[in-house]
Amino acid sequence: DAAHGISPHIGQGASLALEDTIVIAELLKLNIGYTQ
């Protein structure tokens, strides 16, 4: 929600936060640098 605050009409705020966490964790595992 810090990156993309979404109106609560479909209840996806927490879901997107969890998805974001998984995606960023997987990208950081690649050791490609934070910027990339």
Full PDB file with SEQRES, HELIX, SHEET, SSBOND, CRYST1, ORIGX, SCALE, CONECT and MASTER records, all heavy atoms in Angstrom:
SEQRES   1 A   36  ASP ALA ALA HIS GLY ILE SER PRO HIS ILE GLY GLN GLY          
SEQRES   2 A   36  ALA SER LEU ALA LEU GLU ASP THR ILE VAL ILE ALA GLU          
SEQRES   3 A   36  LEU LEU LYS LEU ASN ILE GLY TYR THR GLN                      
HELIX    1 AA1 PRO A    8  ILE A   10  5                                   3    
HELIX    2 AA2 GLY A   13  LYS A   29  1                                  17    
CRYST1    1.000    1.000    1.000  90.00  90.00  90.00 P 1           1          
ORIGX1      1.000000  0.000000  0.000000        0.00000                         
ORIGX2      0.000000  1.000000  0.000000        0.00000                         
ORIGX3      0.000000  0.000000  1.000000        0.00000                         
SCALE1      1.000000  0.000000  0.000000        0.00000                         
SCALE2      0.000000  1.000000  0.000000        0.00000                         
SCALE3      0.000000  0.000000  1.000000        0.00000                         
ATOM      1  N   ASP A   1       0.813  -1.213   0.000  1.00  0.00           N  
ATOM      2  CA  ASP A   1       0.000   0.000   0.000  1.00  0.00           C  
ATOM      3  C   ASP A   1       0.849   1.268   0.000  1.00  0.00           C  
ATOM      4  O   ASP A   1       0.383   2.319  -0.427  1.00  0.00           O  
ATOM      5  CB  ASP A   1      -0.933   0.022   1.213  1.00  0.00           C  
ATOM      6  CG  ASP A   1      -2.105  -0.929   1.054  1.00  0.00           C  
ATOM      7  OD1 ASP A   1      -2.340  -1.398  -0.074  1.00  0.00           O  
ATOM      8  OD2 ASP A   1      -2.786  -1.201   2.059  1.00  0.00           O  
ATOM      9  N   ALA A   2       2.074   1.183   0.473  1.00  0.00           N  
ATOM     10  CA  ALA A   2       2.953   2.359   0.436  1.00  0.00           C  
ATOM     11  C   ALA A   2       3.261   2.746  -1.007  1.00  0.00           C  
ATOM     12  O   ALA A   2       3.439   3.911  -1.321  1.00  0.00           O  
ATOM     13  CB  ALA A   2       4.252   2.074   1.182  1.00  0.00           C  
ATOM     14  N   ALA A   3       3.320   1.768  -1.875  1.00  0.00           N  
ATOM     15  CA  ALA A   3       3.639   2.027  -3.282  1.00  0.00           C  
ATOM     16  C   ALA A   3       2.388   2.280  -4.106  1.00  0.00           C  
ATOM     17  O   ALA A   3       2.392   3.099  -5.012  1.00  0.00           O  
ATOM     18  CB  ALA A   3       4.398   0.842  -3.874  1.00  0.00           C  
ATOM     19  N   HIS A   4       1.335   1.571  -3.807  1.00  0.00           N  
ATOM     20  CA  HIS A   4       0.112   1.692  -4.597  1.00  0.00           C  
ATOM     21  C   HIS A   4      -1.102   1.513  -3.700  1.00  0.00           C  
ATOM     22  O   HIS A   4      -1.596   0.409  -3.531  1.00  0.00           O  
ATOM     23  CB  HIS A   4       0.070   0.687  -5.763  1.00  0.00           C  
ATOM     24  CG  HIS A   4       0.788  -0.605  -5.502  1.00  0.00           C  
ATOM     25  ND1 HIS A   4       2.010  -0.877  -6.042  1.00  0.00           N  
ATOM     26  CD2 HIS A   4       0.484  -1.674  -4.744  1.00  0.00           C  
ATOM     27  CE1 HIS A   4       2.414  -2.071  -5.643  1.00  0.00           C  
ATOM     28  NE2 HIS A   4       1.500  -2.565  -4.862  1.00  0.00           N  
ATOM     29  N   GLY A   5      -1.536   2.630  -3.121  1.00  0.00           N  
ATOM     30  CA  GLY A   5      -2.731   2.602  -2.296  1.00  0.00           C  
ATOM     31  C   GLY A   5      -3.950   2.372  -3.173  1.00  0.00           C  
ATOM     32  O   GLY A   5      -4.194   3.121  -4.106  1.00  0.00           O  
ATOM     33  N   ILE A   6      -4.670   1.337  -2.902  1.00  0.00           N  
ATOM     34  CA  ILE A   6      -5.810   0.955  -3.732  1.00  0.00           C  
ATOM     35  C   ILE A   6      -7.075   1.088  -2.902  1.00  0.00           C  
ATOM     36  O   ILE A   6      -7.100   0.719  -1.728  1.00  0.00           O  
ATOM     37  CB  ILE A   6      -5.640  -0.492  -4.243  1.00  0.00           C  
ATOM     38  CG1 ILE A   6      -4.412  -0.563  -5.129  1.00  0.00           C  
ATOM     39  CG2 ILE A   6      -6.878  -0.968  -4.960  1.00  0.00           C  
ATOM     40  CD1 ILE A   6      -4.067  -1.941  -5.602  1.00  0.00           C  
ATOM     41  N   SER A   7      -8.132   1.601  -3.518  1.00  0.00           N  
ATOM     42  CA  SER A   7      -9.390   1.712  -2.793  1.00  0.00           C  
ATOM     43  C   SER A   7      -9.816   0.326  -2.308  1.00  0.00           C  
ATOM     44  O   SER A   7      -9.530  -0.678  -2.949  1.00  0.00           O  
ATOM     45  CB  SER A   7     -10.469   2.343  -3.679  1.00  0.00           C  
ATOM     46  OG  SER A   7     -10.737   1.528  -4.791  1.00  0.00           O  
ATOM     47  N   PRO A   8     -10.483   0.276  -1.177  1.00  0.00           N  
ATOM     48  CA  PRO A   8     -10.775  -1.012  -0.527  1.00  0.00           C  
ATOM     49  C   PRO A   8     -11.922  -1.812  -1.131  1.00  0.00           C  
ATOM     50  O   PRO A   8     -12.319  -2.822  -0.567  1.00  0.00           O  
ATOM     51  CB  PRO A   8     -11.120  -0.590   0.898  1.00  0.00           C  
ATOM     52  CG  PRO A   8     -11.731   0.762   0.736  1.00  0.00           C  
ATOM     53  CD  PRO A   8     -10.952   1.408  -0.388  1.00  0.00           C  
ATOM     54  N   HIS A   9     -12.416  -1.410  -2.265  1.00  0.00           N  
ATOM     55  CA  HIS A   9     -13.629  -2.027  -2.802  1.00  0.00           C  
ATOM     56  C   HIS A   9     -13.474  -3.490  -3.205  1.00  0.00           C  
ATOM     57  O   HIS A   9     -14.460  -4.199  -3.312  1.00  0.00           O  
ATOM     58  CB  HIS A   9     -14.160  -1.222  -3.984  1.00  0.00           C  
ATOM     59  CG  HIS A   9     -14.486   0.179  -3.622  1.00  0.00           C  
ATOM     60  ND1 HIS A   9     -15.478   0.518  -2.743  1.00  0.00           N  
ATOM     61  CD2 HIS A   9     -13.921   1.350  -3.995  1.00  0.00           C  
ATOM     62  CE1 HIS A   9     -15.528   1.816  -2.589  1.00  0.00           C  
ATOM     63  NE2 HIS A   9     -14.588   2.352  -3.340  1.00  0.00           N  
ATOM     64  N   ILE A  10     -12.263  -3.961  -3.446  1.00  0.00           N  
ATOM     65  CA  ILE A  10     -12.087  -5.372  -3.808  1.00  0.00           C  
ATOM     66  C   ILE A  10     -11.121  -6.093  -2.867  1.00  0.00           C  
ATOM     67  O   ILE A  10     -10.785  -7.240  -3.085  1.00  0.00           O  
ATOM     68  CB  ILE A  10     -11.653  -5.547  -5.281  1.00  0.00           C  
ATOM     69  CG1 ILE A  10     -10.354  -4.831  -5.568  1.00  0.00           C  
ATOM     70  CG2 ILE A  10     -12.742  -5.087  -6.223  1.00  0.00           C  
ATOM     71  CD1 ILE A  10      -9.811  -5.110  -6.966  1.00  0.00           C  
ATOM     72  N   GLY A  11     -10.688  -5.423  -1.822  1.00  0.00           N  
ATOM     73  CA  GLY A  11      -9.880  -6.047  -0.778  1.00  0.00           C  
ATOM     74  C   GLY A  11      -8.572  -6.655  -1.251  1.00  0.00           C  
ATOM     75  O   GLY A  11      -8.237  -7.761  -0.843  1.00  0.00           O  
ATOM     76  N   GLN A  12      -7.822  -5.953  -2.076  1.00  0.00           N  
ATOM     77  CA  GLN A  12      -6.587  -6.512  -2.617  1.00  0.00           C  
ATOM     78  C   GLN A  12      -5.323  -5.875  -2.055  1.00  0.00           C  
ATOM     79  O   GLN A  12      -4.225  -6.227  -2.475  1.00  0.00           O  
ATOM     80  CB  GLN A  12      -6.582  -6.373  -4.146  1.00  0.00           C  
ATOM     81  CG  GLN A  12      -7.554  -7.287  -4.820  1.00  0.00           C  
ATOM     82  CD  GLN A  12      -7.199  -8.743  -4.598  1.00  0.00           C  
ATOM     83  OE1 GLN A  12      -6.120  -9.187  -4.929  1.00  0.00           O  
ATOM     84  NE2 GLN A  12      -8.114  -9.493  -4.013  1.00  0.00           N  
ATOM     85  N   GLY A  13      -5.424  -4.956  -1.119  1.00  0.00           N  
ATOM     86  CA  GLY A  13      -4.247  -4.269  -0.585  1.00  0.00           C  
ATOM     87  C   GLY A  13      -3.227  -5.220   0.017  1.00  0.00           C  
ATOM     88  O   GLY A  13      -2.047  -5.196  -0.328  1.00  0.00           O  
ATOM     89  N   ALA A  14      -3.674  -6.095   0.910  1.00  0.00           N  
ATOM     90  CA  ALA A  14      -2.759  -7.046   1.554  1.00  0.00           C  
ATOM     91  C   ALA A  14      -2.237  -8.069   0.554  1.00  0.00           C  
ATOM     92  O   ALA A  14      -1.062  -8.454   0.604  1.00  0.00           O  
ATOM     93  CB  ALA A  14      -3.466  -7.752   2.715  1.00  0.00           C  
ATOM     94  N   SER A  15      -3.081  -8.483  -0.360  1.00  0.00           N  
ATOM     95  CA  SER A  15      -2.646  -9.460  -1.372  1.00  0.00           C  
ATOM     96  C   SER A  15      -1.525  -8.898  -2.231  1.00  0.00           C  
ATOM     97  O   SER A  15      -0.532  -9.573  -2.499  1.00  0.00           O  
ATOM     98  CB  SER A  15      -3.810  -9.860  -2.266  1.00  0.00           C  
ATOM     99  OG  SER A  15      -4.811 -10.500  -1.526  1.00  0.00           O  
ATOM    100  N   LEU A  16      -1.681  -7.642  -2.655  1.00  0.00           N  
ATOM    101  CA  LEU A  16      -0.636  -7.028  -3.466  1.00  0.00           C  
ATOM    102  C   LEU A  16       0.646  -6.850  -2.665  1.00  0.00           C  
ATOM    103  O   LEU A  16       1.746  -7.008  -3.203  1.00  0.00           O  
ATOM    104  CB  LEU A  16      -1.103  -5.682  -4.023  1.00  0.00           C  
ATOM    105  CG  LEU A  16      -2.102  -5.763  -5.166  1.00  0.00           C  
ATOM    106  CD1 LEU A  16      -2.592  -4.380  -5.553  1.00  0.00           C  
ATOM    107  CD2 LEU A  16      -1.524  -6.465  -6.369  1.00  0.00           C  
ATOM    108  N   ALA A  17       0.529  -6.543  -1.379  1.00  0.00           N  
ATOM    109  CA  ALA A  17       1.724  -6.399  -0.545  1.00  0.00           C  
ATOM    110  C   ALA A  17       2.474  -7.726  -0.448  1.00  0.00           C  
ATOM    111  O   ALA A  17       3.707  -7.761  -0.535  1.00  0.00           O  
ATOM    112  CB  ALA A  17       1.335  -5.904   0.849  1.00  0.00           C  
ATOM    113  N   LEU A  18       1.746  -8.811  -0.300  1.00  0.00           N  
ATOM    114  CA  LEU A  18       2.389 -10.135  -0.242  1.00  0.00           C  
ATOM    115  C   LEU A  18       3.029 -10.497  -1.581  1.00  0.00           C  
ATOM    116  O   LEU A  18       4.154 -11.014  -1.629  1.00  0.00           O  
ATOM    117  CB  LEU A  18       1.374 -11.196   0.172  1.00  0.00           C  
ATOM    118  CG  LEU A  18       0.892 -11.112   1.615  1.00  0.00           C  
ATOM    119  CD1 LEU A  18      -0.264 -12.068   1.847  1.00  0.00           C  
ATOM    120  CD2 LEU A  18       2.020 -11.390   2.583  1.00  0.00           C  
ATOM    121  N   GLU A  19       2.310 -10.227  -2.663  1.00  0.00           N  
ATOM    122  CA  GLU A  19       2.873 -10.488  -3.989  1.00  0.00           C  
ATOM    123  C   GLU A  19       4.144  -9.662  -4.205  1.00  0.00           C  
ATOM    124  O   GLU A  19       5.156 -10.180  -4.693  1.00  0.00           O  
ATOM    125  CB  GLU A  19       1.860 -10.126  -5.084  1.00  0.00           C  
ATOM    126  CG  GLU A  19       0.674 -11.041  -5.148  1.00  0.00           C  
ATOM    127  CD  GLU A  19      -0.364 -10.541  -6.144  1.00  0.00           C  
ATOM    128  OE1 GLU A  19      -0.001  -9.800  -7.080  1.00  0.00           O  
ATOM    129  OE2 GLU A  19      -1.546 -10.897  -5.995  1.00  0.00           O  
ATOM    130  N   ASP A  20       4.086  -8.378  -3.825  1.00  0.00           N  
ATOM    131  CA  ASP A  20       5.255  -7.510  -3.963  1.00  0.00           C  
ATOM    132  C   ASP A  20       6.452  -8.062  -3.196  1.00  0.00           C  
ATOM    133  O   ASP A  20       7.581  -8.064  -3.694  1.00  0.00           O  
ATOM    134  CB  ASP A  20       4.953  -6.102  -3.440  1.00  0.00           C  
ATOM    135  CG  ASP A  20       4.065  -5.282  -4.352  1.00  0.00           C  
ATOM    136  OD1 ASP A  20       3.791  -5.728  -5.486  1.00  0.00           O  
ATOM    137  OD2 ASP A  20       3.645  -4.192  -3.930  1.00  0.00           O  
ATOM    138  N   THR A  21       6.192  -8.527  -1.987  1.00  0.00           N  
ATOM    139  CA  THR A  21       7.263  -9.055  -1.144  1.00  0.00           C  
ATOM    140  C   THR A  21       7.936 -10.251  -1.802  1.00  0.00           C  
ATOM    141  O   THR A  21       9.175 -10.353  -1.827  1.00  0.00           O  
ATOM    142  CB  THR A  21       6.694  -9.460   0.236  1.00  0.00           C  
ATOM    143  OG1 THR A  21       6.067  -8.324   0.819  1.00  0.00           O  
ATOM    144  CG2 THR A  21       7.781  -9.967   1.155  1.00  0.00           C  
ATOM    145  N   ILE A  22       7.141 -11.143  -2.338  1.00  0.00           N  
ATOM    146  CA  ILE A  22       7.702 -12.336  -2.989  1.00  0.00           C  
ATOM    147  C   ILE A  22       8.510 -11.950  -4.224  1.00  0.00           C  
ATOM    148  O   ILE A  22       9.627 -12.429  -4.426  1.00  0.00           O  
ATOM    149  CB  ILE A  22       6.575 -13.331  -3.342  1.00  0.00           C  
ATOM    150  CG1 ILE A  22       5.985 -13.907  -2.061  1.00  0.00           C  
ATOM    151  CG2 ILE A  22       7.087 -14.433  -4.264  1.00  0.00           C  
ATOM    152  CD1 ILE A  22       4.686 -14.654  -2.245  1.00  0.00           C  
ATOM    153  N   VAL A  23       7.956 -11.060  -5.032  1.00  0.00           N  
ATOM    154  CA  VAL A  23       8.643 -10.661  -6.266  1.00  0.00           C  
ATOM    155  C   VAL A  23       9.964  -9.967  -5.947  1.00  0.00           C  
ATOM    156  O   VAL A  23      11.000 -10.295  -6.525  1.00  0.00           O  
ATOM    157  CB  VAL A  23       7.740  -9.753  -7.137  1.00  0.00           C  
ATOM    158  CG1 VAL A  23       8.518  -9.139  -8.290  1.00  0.00           C  
ATOM    159  CG2 VAL A  23       6.549 -10.548  -7.661  1.00  0.00           C  
ATOM    160  N   ILE A  24       9.956  -9.018  -5.017  1.00  0.00           N  
ATOM    161  CA  ILE A  24      11.196  -8.293  -4.718  1.00  0.00           C  
ATOM    162  C   ILE A  24      12.219  -9.221  -4.073  1.00  0.00           C  
ATOM    163  O   ILE A  24      13.417  -9.132  -4.355  1.00  0.00           O  
ATOM    164  CB  ILE A  24      10.936  -7.024  -3.867  1.00  0.00           C  
ATOM    165  CG1 ILE A  24      12.138  -6.066  -3.942  1.00  0.00           C  
ATOM    166  CG2 ILE A  24      10.644  -7.336  -2.433  1.00  0.00           C  
ATOM    167  CD1 ILE A  24      12.325  -5.395  -5.251  1.00  0.00           C  
ATOM    168  N   ALA A  25      11.771 -10.151  -3.250  1.00  0.00           N  
ATOM    169  CA  ALA A  25      12.704 -11.110  -2.633  1.00  0.00           C  
ATOM    170  C   ALA A  25      13.361 -11.981  -3.698  1.00  0.00           C  
ATOM    171  O   ALA A  25      14.580 -12.217  -3.654  1.00  0.00           O  
ATOM    172  CB  ALA A  25      11.975 -11.975  -1.612  1.00  0.00           C  
ATOM    173  N   GLU A  26      12.580 -12.449  -4.636  1.00  0.00           N  
ATOM    174  CA  GLU A  26      13.135 -13.281  -5.713  1.00  0.00           C  
ATOM    175  C   GLU A  26      14.121 -12.487  -6.575  1.00  0.00           C  
ATOM    176  O   GLU A  26      15.166 -13.012  -6.972  1.00  0.00           O  
ATOM    177  CB  GLU A  26      12.008 -13.855  -6.591  1.00  0.00           C  
ATOM    178  CG  GLU A  26      11.139 -14.875  -5.878  1.00  0.00           C  
ATOM    179  CD  GLU A  26      11.907 -16.114  -5.427  1.00  0.00           C  
ATOM    180  OE1 GLU A  26      12.790 -16.569  -6.165  1.00  0.00           O  
ATOM    181  OE2 GLU A  26      11.612 -16.606  -4.324  1.00  0.00           O  
ATOM    182  N   LEU A  27      13.811 -11.246  -6.847  1.00  0.00           N  
ATOM    183  CA  LEU A  27      14.719 -10.420  -7.644  1.00  0.00           C  
ATOM    184  C   LEU A  27      16.020 -10.138  -6.890  1.00  0.00           C  
ATOM    185  O   LEU A  27      17.103 -10.161  -7.480  1.00  0.00           O  
ATOM    186  CB  LEU A  27      14.040  -9.096  -8.033  1.00  0.00           C  
ATOM    187  CG  LEU A  27      12.938  -9.214  -9.078  1.00  0.00           C  
ATOM    188  CD1 LEU A  27      12.155  -7.901  -9.187  1.00  0.00           C  
ATOM    189  CD2 LEU A  27      13.515  -9.605 -10.434  1.00  0.00           C  
ATOM    190  N   LEU A  28      15.924  -9.910  -5.597  1.00  0.00           N  
ATOM    191  CA  LEU A  28      17.132  -9.629  -4.809  1.00  0.00           C  
ATOM    192  C   LEU A  28      18.018 -10.870  -4.674  1.00  0.00           C  
ATOM    193  O   LEU A  28      19.231 -10.748  -4.532  1.00  0.00           O  
ATOM    194  CB  LEU A  28      16.760  -9.063  -3.437  1.00  0.00           C  
ATOM    195  CG  LEU A  28      16.154  -7.657  -3.468  1.00  0.00           C  
ATOM    196  CD1 LEU A  28      15.637  -7.263  -2.092  1.00  0.00           C  
ATOM    197  CD2 LEU A  28      17.158  -6.638  -3.989  1.00  0.00           C  
ATOM    198  N   LYS A  29      17.415 -12.050  -4.744  1.00  0.00           N  
ATOM    199  CA  LYS A  29      18.198 -13.294  -4.704  1.00  0.00           C  
ATOM    200  C   LYS A  29      19.109 -13.446  -5.921  1.00  0.00           C  
ATOM    201  O   LYS A  29      20.085 -14.169  -5.882  1.00  0.00           O  
ATOM    202  CB  LYS A  29      17.276 -14.517  -4.655  1.00  0.00           C  
ATOM    203  CG  LYS A  29      16.685 -14.804  -3.318  1.00  0.00           C  
ATOM    204  CD  LYS A  29      15.883 -16.109  -3.437  1.00  0.00           C  
ATOM    205  CE  LYS A  29      14.931 -16.289  -2.319  1.00  0.00           C  
ATOM    206  NZ  LYS A  29      14.141 -17.522  -2.501  1.00  0.00           N  
ATOM    207  N   LEU A  30      18.768 -12.765  -7.005  1.00  0.00           N  
ATOM    208  CA  LEU A  30      19.538 -12.891  -8.237  1.00  0.00           C  
ATOM    209  C   LEU A  30      20.890 -12.176  -8.172  1.00  0.00           C  
ATOM    210  O   LEU A  30      21.708 -12.321  -9.076  1.00  0.00           O  
ATOM    211  CB  LEU A  30      18.741 -12.337  -9.427  1.00  0.00           C  
ATOM    212  CG  LEU A  30      17.424 -13.039  -9.750  1.00  0.00           C  
ATOM    213  CD1 LEU A  30      16.695 -12.299 -10.870  1.00  0.00           C  
ATOM    214  CD2 LEU A  30      17.665 -14.492 -10.129  1.00  0.00           C  
ATOM    215  N   ASN A  31      21.117 -11.400  -7.114  1.00  0.00           N  
ATOM    216  CA  ASN A  31      22.368 -10.646  -6.932  1.00  0.00           C  
ATOM    217  C   ASN A  31      22.687  -9.772  -8.143  1.00  0.00           C  
ATOM    218  O   ASN A  31      23.816  -9.736  -8.623  1.00  0.00           O  
ATOM    219  CB  ASN A  31      23.540 -11.586  -6.639  1.00  0.00           C  
ATOM    220  CG  ASN A  31      23.399 -12.253  -5.295  1.00  0.00           C  
ATOM    221  OD1 ASN A  31      23.013 -11.612  -4.324  1.00  0.00           O  
ATOM    222  ND2 ASN A  31      23.680 -13.544  -5.245  1.00  0.00           N  
ATOM    223  N   ILE A  32      21.678  -9.048  -8.614  1.00  0.00           N  
ATOM    224  CA  ILE A  32      21.878  -8.173  -9.770  1.00  0.00           C  
ATOM    225  C   ILE A  32      22.028  -6.714  -9.356  1.00  0.00           C  
ATOM    226  O   ILE A  32      22.153  -5.843 -10.197  1.00  0.00           O  
ATOM    227  CB  ILE A  32      20.704  -8.313 -10.769  1.00  0.00           C  
ATOM    228  CG1 ILE A  32      19.372  -8.043 -10.074  1.00  0.00           C  
ATOM    229  CG2 ILE A  32      20.720  -9.658 -11.442  1.00  0.00           C  
ATOM    230  CD1 ILE A  32      18.168  -8.071 -10.991  1.00  0.00           C  
ATOM    231  N   GLY A  33      22.026  -6.470  -8.083  1.00  0.00           N  
ATOM    232  CA  GLY A  33      22.125  -5.100  -7.573  1.00  0.00           C  
ATOM    233  C   GLY A  33      20.745  -4.525  -7.315  1.00  0.00           C  
ATOM    234  O   GLY A  33      19.783  -4.857  -7.995  1.00  0.00           O  
ATOM    235  N   TYR A  34      20.703  -3.649  -6.314  1.00  0.00           N  
ATOM    236  CA  TYR A  34      19.421  -3.073  -5.912  1.00  0.00           C  
ATOM    237  C   TYR A  34      18.771  -2.259  -7.025  1.00  0.00           C  
ATOM    238  O   TYR A  34      17.578  -2.377  -7.275  1.00  0.00           O  
ATOM    239  CB  TYR A  34      19.595  -2.177  -4.673  1.00  0.00           C  
ATOM    240  CG  TYR A  34      19.945  -2.944  -3.434  1.00  0.00           C  
ATOM    241  CD1 TYR A  34      21.207  -2.849  -2.861  1.00  0.00           C  
ATOM    242  CD2 TYR A  34      18.998  -3.768  -2.829  1.00  0.00           C  
ATOM    243  CE1 TYR A  34      21.521  -3.559  -1.718  1.00  0.00           C  
ATOM    244  CE2 TYR A  34      19.299  -4.483  -1.689  1.00  0.00           C  
ATOM    245  CZ  TYR A  34      20.570  -4.371  -1.138  1.00  0.00           C  
ATOM    246  OH  TYR A  34      20.876  -5.087  -0.010  1.00  0.00           O  
ATOM    247  N   THR A  35      19.563  -1.448  -7.691  1.00  0.00           N  
ATOM    248  CA  THR A  35      18.992  -0.573  -8.715  1.00  0.00           C  
ATOM    249  C   THR A  35      18.314  -1.379  -9.814  1.00  0.00           C  
ATOM    250  O   THR A  35      17.162  -1.119 -10.176  1.00  0.00           O  
ATOM    251  CB  THR A  35      20.081   0.331  -9.332  1.00  0.00           C  
ATOM    252  OG1 THR A  35      20.688   1.081  -8.284  1.00  0.00           O  
ATOM    253  CG2 THR A  35      19.476   1.278 -10.348  1.00  0.00           C  
ATOM    254  N   GLN A  36      18.990  -2.379 -10.326  1.00  0.00           N  
ATOM    255  CA  GLN A  36      18.401  -3.191 -11.389  1.00  0.00           C  
ATOM    256  C   GLN A  36      17.222  -4.008 -10.864  1.00  0.00           C  
ATOM    257  O   GLN A  36      16.208  -4.154 -11.542  1.00  0.00           O  
ATOM    258  CB  GLN A  36      19.445  -4.113 -12.012  1.00  0.00           C  
ATOM    259  CG  GLN A  36      18.905  -4.822 -13.241  1.00  0.00           C  
ATOM    260  CD  GLN A  36      19.953  -5.677 -13.937  1.00  0.00           C  
ATOM    261  OE1 GLN A  36      21.104  -5.744 -13.511  1.00  0.00           O  
ATOM    262  NE2 GLN A  36      19.549  -6.327 -15.002  1.00  0.00           N  
TER     263      GLN A  36                                                      
MASTER        0    0    0    2    0    0    0    6  262    1    0    3          
END                                                                             
